[in-house]
Amino acid sequence: MGSSLGFLLSLFFSIQVMAYVGDLTTIQQIYSVLDTAAVTAGHLISLEGGISKQTRNYVRECAKADILPIGKDYVEVGGIIEFVVVRKYEPIIISRDTMVLEVSRSVMIGYID
């Protein structure tokens, strides 16, 4: 009887731990995708001189996220644009509320490798 109760309690905690690990893995995967999209978007922004519709569409298709400028959307050559790539995530067990995952980057306009 006692071992059955102990097994049921351990099963309950094991399910919670698996859901927590699932959330952490998913958050890490989303962060990696956001980081990759932000680096590529930074290169596009540097070449185009600002955040264009093409860049917004790329981020939306690649990372299922939005790109938002911090400050000005377009600046002159040699200026720096700061932007954030944002995506929402509905966690399983970490939080009851929707989590907002974001990656912020800055890029110099006109700088070509």
C-alpha atoms as a PDB file:
ATOM      1  CA  MET A   1       0.000   0.000   0.000  1.00  0.00           C
ATOM      2  CA  GLY A   2       2.736   2.429   0.947  1.00  0.00           C
ATOM      3  CA  SER A   3       4.787   1.620  -2.121  1.00  0.00           C
ATOM      4  CA  SER A   4       1.775   2.185  -4.379  1.00  0.00           C
ATOM      5  CA  LEU A   5       1.178   5.604  -2.838  1.00  0.00           C
ATOM      6  CA  GLY A   6       4.865   6.447  -3.158  1.00  0.00           C
ATOM      7  CA  PHE A   7       4.822   5.387  -6.810  1.00  0.00           C
ATOM      8  CA  LEU A   8       1.802   7.600  -7.548  1.00  0.00           C
ATOM      9  CA  LEU A   9       3.432  10.604  -5.844  1.00  0.00           C
ATOM     10  CA  SER A  10       6.706  10.082  -7.684  1.00  0.00           C
ATOM     11  CA  LEU A  11       4.819   9.774 -10.969  1.00  0.00           C
ATOM     12  CA  PHE A  12       3.094  13.094 -10.270  1.00  0.00           C
ATOM     13  CA  PHE A  13       6.432  14.846  -9.650  1.00  0.00           C
ATOM     14  CA  SER A  14       8.058  13.143 -12.630  1.00  0.00           C
ATOM     15  CA  ILE A  15       5.381  14.519 -14.960  1.00  0.00           C
ATOM     16  CA  GLN A  16       5.958  18.029 -13.598  1.00  0.00           C
ATOM     17  CA  VAL A  17       9.711  17.728 -14.111  1.00  0.00           C
ATOM     18  CA  MET A  18       9.227  16.490 -17.691  1.00  0.00           C
ATOM     19  CA  ALA A  19       6.903  19.436 -18.449  1.00  0.00           C
ATOM     20  CA  TYR A  20       9.448  21.863 -16.941  1.00  0.00           C
ATOM     21  CA  VAL A  21      12.274  20.388 -19.031  1.00  0.00           C
ATOM     22  CA  GLY A  22      10.022  20.583 -22.105  1.00  0.00           C
ATOM     23  CA  ASP A  23       9.439  24.295 -21.458  1.00  0.00           C
ATOM     24  CA  LEU A  24      13.140  24.993 -21.005  1.00  0.00           C
ATOM     25  CA  THR A  25      14.024  23.093 -24.173  1.00  0.00           C
ATOM     26  CA  THR A  26      11.391  24.933 -26.200  1.00  0.00           C
ATOM     27  CA  ILE A  27      12.501  28.318 -24.850  1.00  0.00           C
ATOM     28  CA  GLN A  28      16.115  27.535 -25.775  1.00  0.00           C
ATOM     29  CA  GLN A  29      15.069  26.459 -29.271  1.00  0.00           C
ATOM     30  CA  ILE A  30      13.018  29.641 -29.790  1.00  0.00           C
ATOM     31  CA  TYR A  31      15.899  31.772 -28.526  1.00  0.00           C
ATOM     32  CA  SER A  32      18.281  30.121 -30.997  1.00  0.00           C
ATOM     33  CA  VAL A  33      15.892  30.785 -33.887  1.00  0.00           C
ATOM     34  CA  LEU A  34      15.424  34.409 -32.762  1.00  0.00           C
ATOM     35  CA  ASP A  35      19.188  34.889 -32.505  1.00  0.00           C
ATOM     36  CA  THR A  36      19.759  33.511 -36.007  1.00  0.00           C
ATOM     37  CA  ALA A  37      16.985  35.667 -37.461  1.00  0.00           C
ATOM     38  CA  ALA A  38      18.340  38.757 -35.670  1.00  0.00           C
ATOM     39  CA  VAL A  39      21.855  38.260 -37.078  1.00  0.00           C
ATOM     40  CA  THR A  40      20.548  37.834 -40.635  1.00  0.00           C
ATOM     41  CA  ALA A  41      18.133  40.748 -40.216  1.00  0.00           C
ATOM     42  CA  GLY A  42      21.030  42.886 -38.961  1.00  0.00           C
ATOM     43  CA  HIS A  43      22.959  42.144 -42.128  1.00  0.00           C
ATOM     44  CA  LEU A  44      19.920  43.026 -44.279  1.00  0.00           C
ATOM     45  CA  ILE A  45      19.340  46.235 -42.313  1.00  0.00           C
ATOM     46  CA  SER A  46      22.977  47.245 -42.759  1.00  0.00           C
ATOM     47  CA  LEU A  47      22.714  46.797 -46.519  1.00  0.00           C
ATOM     48  CA  GLU A  48      19.261  48.396 -46.936  1.00  0.00           C
ATOM     49  CA  GLY A  49      19.745  51.327 -44.561  1.00  0.00           C
ATOM     50  CA  GLY A  50      16.749  50.508 -42.357  1.00  0.00           C
ATOM     51  CA  ILE A  51      14.092  47.986 -41.464  1.00  0.00           C
ATOM     52  CA  SER A  52      12.235  47.310 -44.703  1.00  0.00           C
ATOM     53  CA  LYS A  53       9.179  45.193 -45.491  1.00  0.00           C
ATOM     54  CA  GLN A  54      11.498  42.518 -46.887  1.00  0.00           C
ATOM     55  CA  THR A  55      13.334  42.305 -43.558  1.00  0.00           C
ATOM     56  CA  ARG A  56      10.053  42.201 -41.615  1.00  0.00           C
ATOM     57  CA  ASN A  57       8.743  39.416 -43.864  1.00  0.00           C
ATOM     58  CA  TYR A  58      11.983  37.458 -43.487  1.00  0.00           C
ATOM     59  CA  VAL A  59      11.792  37.593 -39.682  1.00  0.00           C
ATOM     60  CA  ARG A  60       8.100  36.699 -39.744  1.00  0.00           C
ATOM     61  CA  GLU A  61       8.658  33.683 -42.013  1.00  0.00           C
ATOM     62  CA  CYS A  62      11.925  32.455 -40.513  1.00  0.00           C
ATOM     63  CA  ALA A  63      11.289  32.929 -36.779  1.00  0.00           C
ATOM     64  CA  LYS A  64       7.515  33.527 -36.625  1.00  0.00           C
ATOM     65  CA  ALA A  65       8.390  36.731 -34.807  1.00  0.00           C
ATOM     66  CA  ASP A  66       8.192  40.496 -35.172  1.00  0.00           C
ATOM     67  CA  ILE A  67      11.050  42.954 -35.550  1.00  0.00           C
ATOM     68  CA  LEU A  68      10.651  46.279 -33.761  1.00  0.00           C
ATOM     69  CA  PRO A  69      13.010  49.262 -33.935  1.00  0.00           C
ATOM     70  CA  ILE A  70      14.243  50.926 -30.768  1.00  0.00           C
ATOM     71  CA  GLY A  71      14.265  54.611 -31.637  1.00  0.00           C
ATOM     72  CA  LYS A  72      14.469  55.628 -35.300  1.00  0.00           C
ATOM     73  CA  ASP A  73      13.570  53.185 -38.079  1.00  0.00           C
ATOM     74  CA  TYR A  74      15.937  54.730 -40.654  1.00  0.00           C
ATOM     75  CA  VAL A  75      19.211  56.589 -40.061  1.00  0.00           C
ATOM     76  CA  GLU A  76      22.035  57.913 -42.234  1.00  0.00           C
ATOM     77  CA  VAL A  77      25.096  55.928 -43.327  1.00  0.00           C
ATOM     78  CA  GLY A  78      27.368  55.327 -40.348  1.00  0.00           C
ATOM     79  CA  GLY A  79      24.481  55.571 -37.897  1.00  0.00           C
ATOM     80  CA  ILE A  80      23.427  52.778 -35.585  1.00  0.00           C
ATOM     81  CA  ILE A  81      19.975  51.185 -35.534  1.00  0.00           C
ATOM     82  CA  GLU A  82      18.906  49.192 -32.506  1.00  0.00           C
ATOM     83  CA  PHE A  83      16.138  46.646 -32.930  1.00  0.00           C
ATOM     84  CA  VAL A  84      14.392  43.834 -31.081  1.00  0.00           C
ATOM     85  CA  VAL A  85      13.126  40.525 -32.474  1.00  0.00           C
ATOM     86  CA  VAL A  86      10.110  39.483 -30.365  1.00  0.00           C
ATOM     87  CA  ARG A  87       8.082  36.275 -30.141  1.00  0.00           C
ATOM     88  CA  LYS A  88       5.396  35.154 -27.687  1.00  0.00           C
ATOM     89  CA  TYR A  89       5.367  31.689 -26.087  1.00  0.00           C
ATOM     90  CA  GLU A  90       2.662  29.907 -24.100  1.00  0.00           C
ATOM     91  CA  PRO A  91       4.521  27.820 -21.487  1.00  0.00           C
ATOM     92  CA  ILE A  92       3.256  24.503 -20.169  1.00  0.00           C
ATOM     93  CA  ILE A  93       4.247  24.795 -16.512  1.00  0.00           C
ATOM     94  CA  ILE A  94       6.744  27.628 -15.971  1.00  0.00           C
ATOM     95  CA  SER A  95       4.162  30.421 -15.968  1.00  0.00           C
ATOM     96  CA  ARG A  96       0.433  30.904 -16.332  1.00  0.00           C
ATOM     97  CA  ASP A  97       0.927  34.022 -18.446  1.00  0.00           C
ATOM     98  CA  THR A  98       2.248  34.284 -21.969  1.00  0.00           C
ATOM     99  CA  MET A  99       6.014  34.765 -22.034  1.00  0.00           C
ATOM    100  CA  VAL A 100       7.608  37.305 -24.361  1.00  0.00           C
ATOM    101  CA  LEU A 101      10.987  36.161 -25.677  1.00  0.00           C
ATOM    102  CA  GLU A 102      13.113  38.841 -27.288  1.00  0.00           C
ATOM    103  CA  VAL A 103      16.582  39.315 -28.712  1.00  0.00           C
ATOM    104  CA  SER A 104      17.984  42.833 -29.065  1.00  0.00           C
ATOM    105  CA  ARG A 105      20.717  43.771 -31.510  1.00  0.00           C
ATOM    106  CA  SER A 106      22.304  46.892 -32.954  1.00  0.00           C
ATOM    107  CA  VAL A 107      23.788  47.345 -36.404  1.00  0.00           C
ATOM    108  CA  MET A 108      25.773  50.050 -38.183  1.00  0.00           C
ATOM    109  CA  ILE A 109      24.283  51.259 -41.448  1.00  0.00           C
ATOM    110  CA  GLY A 110      26.529  50.916 -44.469  1.00  0.00           C
ATOM    111  CA  TYR A 111      29.017  48.544 -42.863  1.00  0.00           C
ATOM    112  CA  ILE A 112      29.775  45.692 -45.265  1.00  0.00           C
ATOM    113  CA  ASP A 113      31.980  42.743 -44.334  1.00  0.00           C
END
